[in-house]
N, C-alpha and C. Protein backbone atom coordinates (compact mmCIF):
# COMPACT_ATOMS: atom_id res chain seq x y z
N MET A 1 3.16 -19.12 4.74
CA MET A 1 2.91 -17.91 3.96
C MET A 1 4.15 -17.02 3.99
N ARG A 2 4.47 -16.43 2.86
CA ARG A 2 5.66 -15.59 2.74
C ARG A 2 5.26 -14.19 2.27
N VAL A 3 5.52 -13.20 3.10
CA VAL A 3 5.20 -11.80 2.77
C VAL A 3 6.50 -11.05 2.49
N SER A 4 6.53 -10.34 1.37
CA SER A 4 7.69 -9.49 1.04
C SER A 4 7.31 -8.03 1.22
N VAL A 5 8.11 -7.32 2.01
CA VAL A 5 7.95 -5.87 2.15
C VAL A 5 9.05 -5.25 1.29
N ILE A 6 8.64 -4.50 0.29
CA ILE A 6 9.62 -3.92 -0.65
C ILE A 6 10.44 -2.85 0.09
N SER A 7 11.73 -3.13 0.24
CA SER A 7 12.55 -2.26 1.08
C SER A 7 13.31 -1.21 0.28
N ALA A 8 12.61 -0.57 -0.66
CA ALA A 8 13.23 0.50 -1.45
C ALA A 8 13.41 1.74 -0.58
N GLN A 9 12.47 1.97 0.33
CA GLN A 9 12.48 3.18 1.15
C GLN A 9 11.27 3.13 2.08
N GLY A 10 11.25 3.97 3.11
CA GLY A 10 10.05 4.12 3.93
C GLY A 10 10.00 3.25 5.17
N ASP A 11 8.76 3.05 5.69
CA ASP A 11 8.53 2.34 6.96
C ASP A 11 8.60 0.83 6.78
N VAL A 12 9.71 0.36 6.29
CA VAL A 12 9.86 -1.06 5.97
C VAL A 12 9.81 -1.93 7.22
N GLU A 13 10.66 -1.65 8.19
CA GLU A 13 10.74 -2.45 9.41
C GLU A 13 9.42 -2.47 10.17
N GLU A 14 8.71 -1.33 10.19
CA GLU A 14 7.41 -1.25 10.87
C GLU A 14 6.40 -2.20 10.23
N HIS A 15 6.42 -2.30 8.89
CA HIS A 15 5.53 -3.24 8.20
C HIS A 15 5.91 -4.68 8.51
N VAL A 16 7.20 -4.96 8.54
CA VAL A 16 7.67 -6.31 8.86
C VAL A 16 7.16 -6.72 10.24
N LEU A 17 7.32 -5.85 11.23
CA LEU A 17 6.89 -6.14 12.60
C LEU A 17 5.37 -6.28 12.70
N SER A 18 4.63 -5.38 12.03
CA SER A 18 3.15 -5.46 12.03
C SER A 18 2.66 -6.76 11.40
N CYS A 19 3.31 -7.16 10.32
CA CYS A 19 2.93 -8.41 9.63
C CYS A 19 3.19 -9.62 10.51
N ARG A 20 4.34 -9.62 11.16
CA ARG A 20 4.68 -10.76 12.04
C ARG A 20 3.67 -10.87 13.19
N LYS A 21 3.33 -9.70 13.75
CA LYS A 21 2.36 -9.67 14.85
C LYS A 21 0.97 -10.12 14.36
N ALA A 22 0.60 -9.69 13.15
CA ALA A 22 -0.69 -10.07 12.56
C ALA A 22 -0.75 -11.58 12.33
N MET A 23 0.34 -12.15 11.83
CA MET A 23 0.39 -13.61 11.62
C MET A 23 0.25 -14.36 12.94
N GLU A 24 0.92 -13.84 13.96
CA GLU A 24 0.83 -14.41 15.31
C GLU A 24 -0.61 -14.40 15.79
N ASN A 25 -1.26 -13.22 15.65
CA ASN A 25 -2.66 -13.05 16.07
C ASN A 25 -3.60 -13.99 15.33
N LEU A 26 -3.29 -14.26 14.06
CA LEU A 26 -4.14 -15.13 13.23
C LEU A 26 -3.75 -16.60 13.35
N ASN A 27 -2.66 -16.85 14.10
CA ASN A 27 -2.16 -18.22 14.25
C ASN A 27 -1.72 -18.81 12.92
N ILE A 28 -1.04 -18.00 12.12
CA ILE A 28 -0.58 -18.42 10.80
C ILE A 28 0.94 -18.53 10.82
N GLU A 29 1.42 -19.65 10.30
CA GLU A 29 2.88 -19.84 10.15
C GLU A 29 3.31 -19.06 8.92
N GLY A 30 4.44 -18.36 9.05
CA GLY A 30 4.91 -17.64 7.87
C GLY A 30 6.18 -16.87 8.11
N GLU A 31 6.66 -16.28 7.03
CA GLU A 31 7.88 -15.47 7.07
C GLU A 31 7.57 -14.11 6.49
N VAL A 32 8.21 -13.08 7.04
CA VAL A 32 8.08 -11.73 6.50
C VAL A 32 9.50 -11.23 6.22
N HIS A 33 9.73 -10.83 4.98
CA HIS A 33 11.07 -10.37 4.57
C HIS A 33 11.02 -8.95 4.03
N ALA A 34 12.02 -8.16 4.37
CA ALA A 34 12.24 -6.86 3.73
C ALA A 34 13.23 -7.13 2.60
N THR A 35 12.84 -6.80 1.38
CA THR A 35 13.70 -7.15 0.24
C THR A 35 13.46 -6.28 -0.98
N VAL A 36 14.48 -6.17 -1.81
CA VAL A 36 14.33 -5.62 -3.16
C VAL A 36 14.89 -6.63 -4.16
N ASN A 37 15.11 -7.86 -3.68
CA ASN A 37 15.65 -8.91 -4.52
C ASN A 37 14.51 -9.55 -5.33
N LYS A 38 14.64 -9.45 -6.64
CA LYS A 38 13.60 -9.94 -7.55
C LYS A 38 13.30 -11.42 -7.34
N LYS A 39 14.35 -12.23 -7.12
CA LYS A 39 14.16 -13.68 -6.93
C LYS A 39 13.40 -13.97 -5.64
N GLU A 40 13.67 -13.19 -4.59
CA GLU A 40 12.94 -13.37 -3.32
C GLU A 40 11.48 -12.95 -3.48
N VAL A 41 11.27 -11.81 -4.14
CA VAL A 41 9.91 -11.29 -4.34
C VAL A 41 9.07 -12.29 -5.14
N LYS A 42 9.71 -12.93 -6.11
CA LYS A 42 9.04 -13.92 -6.97
C LYS A 42 8.39 -15.04 -6.17
N LYS A 43 8.95 -15.36 -4.98
CA LYS A 43 8.44 -16.45 -4.13
C LYS A 43 7.35 -15.99 -3.16
N SER A 44 6.92 -14.73 -3.27
CA SER A 44 5.98 -14.14 -2.31
C SER A 44 4.56 -14.67 -2.45
N ASP A 45 3.88 -14.74 -1.29
CA ASP A 45 2.44 -15.02 -1.27
C ASP A 45 1.66 -13.72 -1.08
N ALA A 46 2.37 -12.65 -0.73
CA ALA A 46 1.77 -11.32 -0.55
C ALA A 46 2.91 -10.29 -0.57
N ILE A 47 2.60 -9.08 -1.05
CA ILE A 47 3.62 -8.03 -1.20
C ILE A 47 3.09 -6.73 -0.60
N ILE A 48 3.97 -6.04 0.13
CA ILE A 48 3.63 -4.72 0.68
C ILE A 48 4.59 -3.68 0.11
N ILE A 49 4.02 -2.59 -0.42
CA ILE A 49 4.83 -1.45 -0.87
C ILE A 49 4.59 -0.34 0.14
N PRO A 50 5.61 -0.03 0.97
CA PRO A 50 5.42 0.95 2.05
C PRO A 50 5.41 2.39 1.57
N GLY A 51 5.23 3.28 2.56
CA GLY A 51 5.32 4.71 2.30
C GLY A 51 6.76 5.11 2.08
N GLY A 52 6.97 6.41 1.90
CA GLY A 52 8.29 6.94 1.58
C GLY A 52 8.10 8.02 0.53
N GLU A 53 9.01 8.10 -0.41
CA GLU A 53 8.90 9.11 -1.47
C GLU A 53 8.60 8.35 -2.76
N SER A 54 7.41 8.56 -3.31
CA SER A 54 6.93 7.73 -4.43
C SER A 54 7.84 7.77 -5.66
N THR A 55 8.40 8.93 -5.99
CA THR A 55 9.27 9.04 -7.16
C THR A 55 10.52 8.18 -6.97
N THR A 56 11.10 8.24 -5.78
CA THR A 56 12.30 7.46 -5.47
C THR A 56 12.00 5.97 -5.51
N ILE A 57 10.91 5.56 -4.87
CA ILE A 57 10.54 4.14 -4.85
C ILE A 57 10.30 3.65 -6.29
N SER A 58 9.60 4.46 -7.07
CA SER A 58 9.31 4.12 -8.47
C SER A 58 10.61 3.88 -9.25
N LYS A 59 11.57 4.80 -9.09
CA LYS A 59 12.86 4.65 -9.80
C LYS A 59 13.56 3.36 -9.38
N LEU A 60 13.59 3.11 -8.06
CA LEU A 60 14.30 1.93 -7.55
C LEU A 60 13.67 0.61 -8.01
N ILE A 61 12.34 0.54 -8.00
CA ILE A 61 11.71 -0.73 -8.39
C ILE A 61 11.73 -0.95 -9.91
N HIS A 62 11.80 0.14 -10.68
CA HIS A 62 11.89 -0.01 -12.13
C HIS A 62 13.32 -0.31 -12.57
N LYS A 63 14.29 0.18 -11.79
CA LYS A 63 15.71 0.01 -12.15
C LYS A 63 16.11 -1.46 -12.26
N ASN A 64 15.63 -2.28 -11.35
CA ASN A 64 16.04 -3.69 -11.38
C ASN A 64 14.90 -4.64 -11.75
N SER A 65 13.95 -4.15 -12.56
CA SER A 65 12.82 -4.95 -13.07
C SER A 65 11.91 -5.51 -11.98
N LEU A 66 12.01 -4.96 -10.78
CA LEU A 66 11.16 -5.40 -9.69
C LEU A 66 9.70 -5.01 -9.95
N ALA A 67 9.50 -3.88 -10.60
CA ALA A 67 8.14 -3.41 -10.93
C ALA A 67 7.42 -4.44 -11.80
N GLU A 68 8.11 -4.98 -12.79
CA GLU A 68 7.51 -5.98 -13.69
C GLU A 68 7.14 -7.24 -12.91
N GLU A 69 8.00 -7.62 -11.98
CA GLU A 69 7.75 -8.82 -11.16
C GLU A 69 6.52 -8.61 -10.28
N ILE A 70 6.41 -7.43 -9.65
CA ILE A 70 5.25 -7.11 -8.80
C ILE A 70 3.98 -7.14 -9.64
N LYS A 71 4.03 -6.54 -10.83
CA LYS A 71 2.86 -6.51 -11.71
C LYS A 71 2.43 -7.92 -12.11
N LYS A 72 3.41 -8.74 -12.46
CA LYS A 72 3.14 -10.12 -12.88
C LYS A 72 2.47 -10.90 -11.74
N LEU A 73 3.02 -10.78 -10.54
CA LEU A 73 2.46 -11.48 -9.38
C LEU A 73 1.05 -10.98 -9.07
N ALA A 74 0.86 -9.67 -9.14
CA ALA A 74 -0.47 -9.08 -8.88
C ALA A 74 -1.49 -9.60 -9.90
N GLU A 75 -1.07 -9.67 -11.16
CA GLU A 75 -1.97 -10.18 -12.21
C GLU A 75 -2.28 -11.65 -12.01
N ASP A 76 -1.38 -12.37 -11.32
CA ASP A 76 -1.61 -13.80 -11.00
C ASP A 76 -2.44 -13.97 -9.72
N GLY A 77 -2.87 -12.86 -9.11
CA GLY A 77 -3.76 -12.93 -7.94
C GLY A 77 -3.07 -12.80 -6.60
N ILE A 78 -1.75 -12.58 -6.58
CA ILE A 78 -1.04 -12.40 -5.31
C ILE A 78 -1.49 -11.05 -4.71
N PRO A 79 -1.88 -11.01 -3.41
CA PRO A 79 -2.29 -9.74 -2.81
C PRO A 79 -1.14 -8.73 -2.73
N VAL A 80 -1.44 -7.48 -3.07
CA VAL A 80 -0.47 -6.39 -2.98
C VAL A 80 -1.12 -5.25 -2.21
N MET A 81 -0.42 -4.79 -1.15
CA MET A 81 -0.92 -3.64 -0.38
C MET A 81 0.07 -2.49 -0.54
N GLY A 82 -0.46 -1.31 -0.82
CA GLY A 82 0.36 -0.11 -0.89
C GLY A 82 -0.13 0.89 0.13
N THR A 83 0.80 1.41 0.96
CA THR A 83 0.44 2.43 1.95
C THR A 83 1.14 3.74 1.60
N CYS A 84 0.41 4.83 1.64
CA CYS A 84 0.92 6.17 1.35
C CYS A 84 1.60 6.22 -0.03
N ALA A 85 2.92 6.29 -0.10
CA ALA A 85 3.60 6.31 -1.40
C ALA A 85 3.28 5.03 -2.19
N GLY A 86 3.16 3.91 -1.46
CA GLY A 86 2.80 2.64 -2.11
C GLY A 86 1.43 2.71 -2.75
N CYS A 87 0.52 3.42 -2.11
CA CYS A 87 -0.83 3.65 -2.63
C CYS A 87 -0.75 4.42 -3.96
N ILE A 88 0.13 5.43 -4.01
CA ILE A 88 0.33 6.21 -5.24
C ILE A 88 0.75 5.28 -6.38
N LEU A 89 1.73 4.42 -6.09
CA LEU A 89 2.30 3.57 -7.14
C LEU A 89 1.32 2.53 -7.68
N LEU A 90 0.32 2.15 -6.89
CA LEU A 90 -0.67 1.17 -7.36
C LEU A 90 -1.63 1.74 -8.40
N ALA A 91 -1.77 3.06 -8.43
CA ALA A 91 -2.77 3.72 -9.27
C ALA A 91 -2.49 3.62 -10.76
N LYS A 92 -3.58 3.69 -11.52
CA LYS A 92 -3.47 3.71 -12.98
C LYS A 92 -3.21 5.13 -13.48
N TYR A 93 -3.79 6.10 -12.78
CA TYR A 93 -3.68 7.51 -13.21
C TYR A 93 -3.18 8.39 -12.07
N GLY A 94 -2.41 9.41 -12.44
CA GLY A 94 -1.89 10.34 -11.44
C GLY A 94 -2.25 11.77 -11.75
N ASP A 95 -2.08 12.64 -10.76
CA ASP A 95 -2.34 14.07 -10.96
C ASP A 95 -1.13 14.74 -11.63
N GLU A 96 -1.21 16.07 -11.79
CA GLU A 96 -0.13 16.80 -12.48
C GLU A 96 1.22 16.68 -11.76
N GLN A 97 1.20 16.58 -10.43
CA GLN A 97 2.45 16.41 -9.66
C GLN A 97 3.16 15.11 -10.03
N ILE A 98 2.37 14.07 -10.22
CA ILE A 98 2.93 12.77 -10.58
C ILE A 98 3.52 12.82 -11.99
N HIS A 99 2.81 13.51 -12.89
CA HIS A 99 3.33 13.67 -14.27
C HIS A 99 4.60 14.52 -14.28
N LYS A 100 4.58 15.59 -13.49
CA LYS A 100 5.72 16.52 -13.43
C LYS A 100 6.99 15.81 -12.93
N THR A 101 6.83 14.93 -11.94
CA THR A 101 8.00 14.23 -11.38
C THR A 101 8.34 12.97 -12.18
N LYS A 102 7.56 12.72 -13.24
CA LYS A 102 7.77 11.52 -14.09
C LYS A 102 7.76 10.21 -13.28
N THR A 103 6.90 10.16 -12.28
CA THR A 103 6.77 8.95 -11.47
C THR A 103 6.06 7.88 -12.30
N ARG A 104 6.69 6.73 -12.44
CA ARG A 104 6.09 5.63 -13.21
C ARG A 104 5.21 4.79 -12.27
N LEU A 105 3.92 4.74 -12.59
CA LEU A 105 2.95 4.01 -11.76
C LEU A 105 2.88 2.55 -12.20
N LEU A 106 2.49 1.68 -11.27
CA LEU A 106 2.34 0.26 -11.58
C LEU A 106 1.03 -0.02 -12.34
N GLU A 107 0.07 0.90 -12.22
CA GLU A 107 -1.22 0.82 -12.95
C GLU A 107 -1.99 -0.46 -12.62
N LEU A 108 -1.97 -0.88 -11.36
CA LEU A 108 -2.66 -2.10 -10.95
C LEU A 108 -4.10 -1.85 -10.50
N MET A 109 -4.42 -0.60 -10.24
CA MET A 109 -5.74 -0.27 -9.70
C MET A 109 -6.38 0.84 -10.52
N ASP A 110 -7.66 0.67 -10.83
CA ASP A 110 -8.37 1.63 -11.67
C ASP A 110 -8.78 2.87 -10.86
N VAL A 111 -7.77 3.64 -10.45
CA VAL A 111 -8.01 4.85 -9.67
C VAL A 111 -7.11 5.98 -10.15
N LYS A 112 -7.55 7.21 -9.85
CA LYS A 112 -6.70 8.39 -10.08
C LYS A 112 -6.27 8.91 -8.71
N ILE A 113 -4.98 9.17 -8.58
CA ILE A 113 -4.41 9.55 -7.28
C ILE A 113 -3.91 10.98 -7.29
N LYS A 114 -4.05 11.64 -6.14
CA LYS A 114 -3.53 13.00 -5.97
C LYS A 114 -2.49 12.95 -4.85
N ARG A 115 -1.27 13.41 -5.17
CA ARG A 115 -0.18 13.41 -4.18
C ARG A 115 -0.37 14.52 -3.16
N ASN A 116 0.19 14.33 -1.97
CA ASN A 116 0.20 15.37 -0.91
C ASN A 116 -1.13 16.13 -0.80
N ALA A 117 -2.22 15.39 -0.81
CA ALA A 117 -3.54 16.01 -0.84
C ALA A 117 -3.85 16.88 0.37
N PHE A 118 -3.25 16.55 1.50
CA PHE A 118 -3.52 17.30 2.73
C PHE A 118 -2.40 18.28 3.07
N GLY A 119 -1.44 18.45 2.17
CA GLY A 119 -0.35 19.40 2.43
C GLY A 119 0.97 18.71 2.75
N ARG A 120 1.91 19.49 3.27
CA ARG A 120 3.26 19.02 3.53
C ARG A 120 3.35 18.22 4.84
N GLN A 121 4.57 17.90 5.23
CA GLN A 121 4.84 17.10 6.43
C GLN A 121 4.18 17.67 7.69
N ARG A 122 4.23 18.99 7.86
CA ARG A 122 3.70 19.60 9.09
C ARG A 122 2.16 19.49 9.17
N GLU A 123 1.53 19.20 8.04
CA GLU A 123 0.07 19.01 8.06
C GLU A 123 -0.31 17.55 8.31
N SER A 124 0.62 16.76 8.82
CA SER A 124 0.31 15.37 9.17
C SER A 124 -0.72 15.34 10.30
N PHE A 125 -1.55 14.29 10.33
CA PHE A 125 -2.63 14.24 11.33
C PHE A 125 -3.10 12.81 11.58
N HIS A 126 -3.86 12.65 12.67
CA HIS A 126 -4.55 11.40 13.00
C HIS A 126 -6.02 11.60 12.66
N ALA A 127 -6.69 10.54 12.25
CA ALA A 127 -8.14 10.61 12.04
C ALA A 127 -8.76 9.27 12.37
N LYS A 128 -9.92 9.30 13.02
CA LYS A 128 -10.67 8.07 13.28
C LYS A 128 -11.46 7.76 12.00
N LEU A 129 -11.16 6.62 11.41
CA LEU A 129 -11.84 6.22 10.18
C LEU A 129 -12.76 5.05 10.46
N ASP A 130 -13.86 4.99 9.72
CA ASP A 130 -14.70 3.81 9.75
C ASP A 130 -14.36 3.04 8.47
N ILE A 131 -13.58 1.98 8.61
CA ILE A 131 -13.10 1.23 7.45
C ILE A 131 -13.94 -0.03 7.27
N LYS A 132 -14.51 -0.17 6.07
CA LYS A 132 -15.32 -1.34 5.73
C LYS A 132 -14.49 -2.61 5.96
N HIS A 133 -15.09 -3.63 6.54
CA HIS A 133 -14.46 -4.93 6.88
C HIS A 133 -13.53 -4.85 8.10
N ILE A 134 -13.23 -3.64 8.60
CA ILE A 134 -12.28 -3.49 9.71
C ILE A 134 -12.96 -2.88 10.93
N GLY A 135 -13.74 -1.80 10.71
CA GLY A 135 -14.34 -1.06 11.81
C GLY A 135 -13.60 0.24 12.04
N GLU A 136 -13.73 0.78 13.25
CA GLU A 136 -13.08 2.06 13.54
C GLU A 136 -11.57 1.86 13.68
N PHE A 137 -10.83 2.76 13.05
CA PHE A 137 -9.37 2.65 13.03
C PHE A 137 -8.75 4.03 13.19
N ASP A 138 -7.76 4.13 14.07
CA ASP A 138 -7.07 5.40 14.28
C ASP A 138 -5.94 5.50 13.26
N ALA A 139 -6.18 6.25 12.19
CA ALA A 139 -5.25 6.31 11.06
C ALA A 139 -4.30 7.50 11.15
N ILE A 140 -3.05 7.26 10.76
CA ILE A 140 -2.02 8.30 10.76
C ILE A 140 -1.72 8.69 9.31
N PHE A 141 -1.92 9.96 9.01
CA PHE A 141 -1.68 10.49 7.67
C PHE A 141 -0.44 11.37 7.68
N ILE A 142 0.54 11.08 6.81
CA ILE A 142 1.76 11.87 6.70
C ILE A 142 1.96 12.22 5.22
N ARG A 143 1.85 13.49 4.88
CA ARG A 143 1.95 13.92 3.47
C ARG A 143 1.16 12.96 2.58
N ALA A 144 -0.06 12.71 2.96
CA ALA A 144 -0.83 11.60 2.37
C ALA A 144 -1.42 11.94 1.01
N PRO A 145 -1.45 10.92 0.14
CA PRO A 145 -2.19 11.04 -1.11
C PRO A 145 -3.66 10.70 -0.87
N VAL A 146 -4.51 10.97 -1.85
CA VAL A 146 -5.90 10.50 -1.80
C VAL A 146 -6.30 10.02 -3.19
N ILE A 147 -7.31 9.17 -3.20
CA ILE A 147 -7.89 8.70 -4.47
C ILE A 147 -9.01 9.67 -4.82
N ILE A 148 -8.90 10.31 -5.99
CA ILE A 148 -9.93 11.28 -6.37
C ILE A 148 -10.97 10.72 -7.34
N ASN A 149 -10.65 9.60 -7.98
CA ASN A 149 -11.59 8.90 -8.86
C ASN A 149 -11.36 7.42 -8.74
N ALA A 150 -12.43 6.63 -8.74
CA ALA A 150 -12.30 5.18 -8.68
C ALA A 150 -13.23 4.53 -9.70
N GLY A 151 -12.71 3.54 -10.41
CA GLY A 151 -13.49 2.80 -11.40
C GLY A 151 -14.56 1.94 -10.75
N LYS A 152 -15.45 1.40 -11.57
CA LYS A 152 -16.61 0.67 -11.02
C LYS A 152 -16.24 -0.65 -10.32
N ASN A 153 -15.06 -1.19 -10.61
CA ASN A 153 -14.64 -2.44 -9.95
C ASN A 153 -13.88 -2.20 -8.65
N VAL A 154 -13.77 -0.95 -8.26
CA VAL A 154 -13.03 -0.60 -7.05
C VAL A 154 -14.00 -0.47 -5.88
N GLU A 155 -13.71 -1.20 -4.81
CA GLU A 155 -14.54 -1.13 -3.59
C GLU A 155 -13.95 -0.05 -2.68
N ILE A 156 -14.75 0.95 -2.36
CA ILE A 156 -14.29 2.03 -1.48
C ILE A 156 -14.44 1.56 -0.04
N LEU A 157 -13.33 1.59 0.71
CA LEU A 157 -13.34 1.09 2.08
C LEU A 157 -13.43 2.19 3.13
N ALA A 158 -12.88 3.38 2.80
CA ALA A 158 -12.93 4.49 3.77
C ALA A 158 -12.74 5.83 3.05
N LYS A 159 -13.39 6.86 3.62
CA LYS A 159 -13.31 8.21 3.06
C LYS A 159 -13.09 9.24 4.16
N ILE A 160 -12.49 10.35 3.79
CA ILE A 160 -12.47 11.56 4.62
C ILE A 160 -13.09 12.64 3.74
N ASP A 161 -14.22 13.16 4.15
CA ASP A 161 -15.00 14.09 3.30
C ASP A 161 -15.26 13.40 1.96
N ASP A 162 -14.87 14.02 0.85
CA ASP A 162 -15.10 13.40 -0.46
C ASP A 162 -13.89 12.60 -0.94
N TYR A 163 -12.85 12.58 -0.14
CA TYR A 163 -11.62 11.88 -0.53
C TYR A 163 -11.65 10.41 -0.13
N ILE A 164 -11.29 9.55 -1.07
CA ILE A 164 -11.17 8.11 -0.78
C ILE A 164 -9.77 7.89 -0.20
N VAL A 165 -9.70 7.29 0.99
CA VAL A 165 -8.40 7.07 1.64
C VAL A 165 -8.07 5.58 1.81
N SER A 166 -9.01 4.73 1.43
CA SER A 166 -8.74 3.30 1.40
C SER A 166 -9.67 2.64 0.39
N ALA A 167 -9.09 1.76 -0.44
CA ALA A 167 -9.88 1.10 -1.48
C ALA A 167 -9.26 -0.26 -1.81
N LYS A 168 -10.10 -1.11 -2.41
CA LYS A 168 -9.67 -2.46 -2.76
C LYS A 168 -10.19 -2.80 -4.15
N GLN A 169 -9.34 -3.39 -4.95
CA GLN A 169 -9.78 -3.91 -6.25
C GLN A 169 -9.23 -5.32 -6.37
N GLU A 170 -10.11 -6.29 -6.23
CA GLU A 170 -9.75 -7.70 -6.21
C GLU A 170 -8.63 -7.94 -5.18
N ASN A 171 -7.41 -8.25 -5.63
CA ASN A 171 -6.31 -8.59 -4.71
C ASN A 171 -5.41 -7.39 -4.39
N ILE A 172 -5.83 -6.19 -4.75
CA ILE A 172 -5.02 -4.98 -4.54
C ILE A 172 -5.68 -4.11 -3.46
N LEU A 173 -4.89 -3.75 -2.43
CA LEU A 173 -5.39 -2.95 -1.32
C LEU A 173 -4.56 -1.67 -1.21
N ALA A 174 -5.25 -0.53 -1.28
CA ALA A 174 -4.57 0.77 -1.25
C ALA A 174 -5.01 1.58 -0.03
N LEU A 175 -4.03 2.14 0.69
CA LEU A 175 -4.30 2.96 1.88
C LEU A 175 -3.50 4.26 1.79
N SER A 176 -4.16 5.39 2.03
CA SER A 176 -3.46 6.68 2.03
C SER A 176 -2.62 6.86 3.28
N PHE A 177 -2.94 6.10 4.31
CA PHE A 177 -2.36 6.31 5.64
C PHE A 177 -1.36 5.20 5.99
N HIS A 178 -0.87 5.23 7.22
CA HIS A 178 0.19 4.32 7.68
C HIS A 178 -0.29 3.39 8.80
N PRO A 179 -0.90 2.24 8.47
CA PRO A 179 -1.36 1.34 9.54
C PRO A 179 -0.21 0.74 10.34
N GLU A 180 0.97 0.70 9.74
CA GLU A 180 2.15 0.11 10.41
C GLU A 180 2.69 0.97 11.54
N LEU A 181 2.23 2.22 11.63
CA LEU A 181 2.70 3.12 12.69
C LEU A 181 1.81 3.06 13.93
N THR A 182 0.83 2.14 13.92
CA THR A 182 -0.03 1.96 15.09
C THR A 182 0.22 0.56 15.66
N ASP A 183 -0.33 0.28 16.84
CA ASP A 183 -0.23 -1.08 17.40
C ASP A 183 -1.40 -1.95 16.95
N ASP A 184 -2.29 -1.38 16.16
CA ASP A 184 -3.48 -2.08 15.69
C ASP A 184 -3.13 -2.86 14.42
N THR A 185 -3.16 -4.19 14.50
CA THR A 185 -2.74 -5.01 13.35
C THR A 185 -3.91 -5.50 12.49
N ARG A 186 -5.10 -4.96 12.72
CA ARG A 186 -6.27 -5.49 11.99
C ARG A 186 -6.18 -5.34 10.48
N ILE A 187 -5.58 -4.25 10.00
CA ILE A 187 -5.45 -4.07 8.54
C ILE A 187 -4.46 -5.09 7.97
N HIS A 188 -3.35 -5.30 8.67
CA HIS A 188 -2.40 -6.31 8.22
C HIS A 188 -3.02 -7.71 8.27
N GLU A 189 -3.84 -7.96 9.27
CA GLU A 189 -4.54 -9.26 9.37
C GLU A 189 -5.50 -9.43 8.19
N TYR A 190 -6.25 -8.38 7.90
CA TYR A 190 -7.19 -8.41 6.76
C TYR A 190 -6.42 -8.69 5.47
N PHE A 191 -5.28 -8.02 5.30
CA PHE A 191 -4.46 -8.19 4.10
C PHE A 191 -3.90 -9.62 4.01
N ILE A 192 -3.39 -10.14 5.11
CA ILE A 192 -2.84 -11.50 5.12
C ILE A 192 -3.94 -12.52 4.75
N LYS A 193 -5.15 -12.30 5.28
CA LYS A 193 -6.27 -13.22 4.98
C LYS A 193 -6.63 -13.18 3.49
N MET A 194 -6.32 -12.06 2.80
CA MET A 194 -6.55 -11.98 1.35
C MET A 194 -5.67 -12.99 0.61
N GLY A 195 -4.56 -13.39 1.22
CA GLY A 195 -3.63 -14.30 0.56
C GLY A 195 -3.77 -15.75 0.94
N ILE A 196 -4.74 -16.03 1.80
CA ILE A 196 -4.91 -17.43 2.27
C ILE A 196 -5.86 -18.18 1.35
């Protein structure tokens, strides 16, 4: 199995390490690469779009046609996980902040996303979430987005109050938080199993 972590920006190395550990835990042979090379991404069995700054990541992946490649692979059933900024980019619809910054979304998931829903960097926090298919998870939120609307084909996996913070639509997995910043690899394991 070959996992590509899009290394445009953000917690790239943390995702690479979490994925490797998850594969080890699952006893799966595979490779995990940090890349923005379209030819390398094309060979992926799974793709992760990490956190960072969504506008910057959007510009970088559209600049070298990487966005089209990710969309094509996703439409062919390859699992794609987006965390934080990656979660924003997976959405079909964005809030006024997304429109204002002209962030181009991948439109892979029938959801509407709100940027920085919990405030700025200093409002970062931990929360114990009950995540469907995973169980209790200590989630780290940093300038996190939230899903404010989800289409009927979207499975809601976790919420904080009325905000959706994790959701799945077929082979697409969106998380508002940063699972790669914990030692708990269960989310990465769940994602890898989506590609088997």
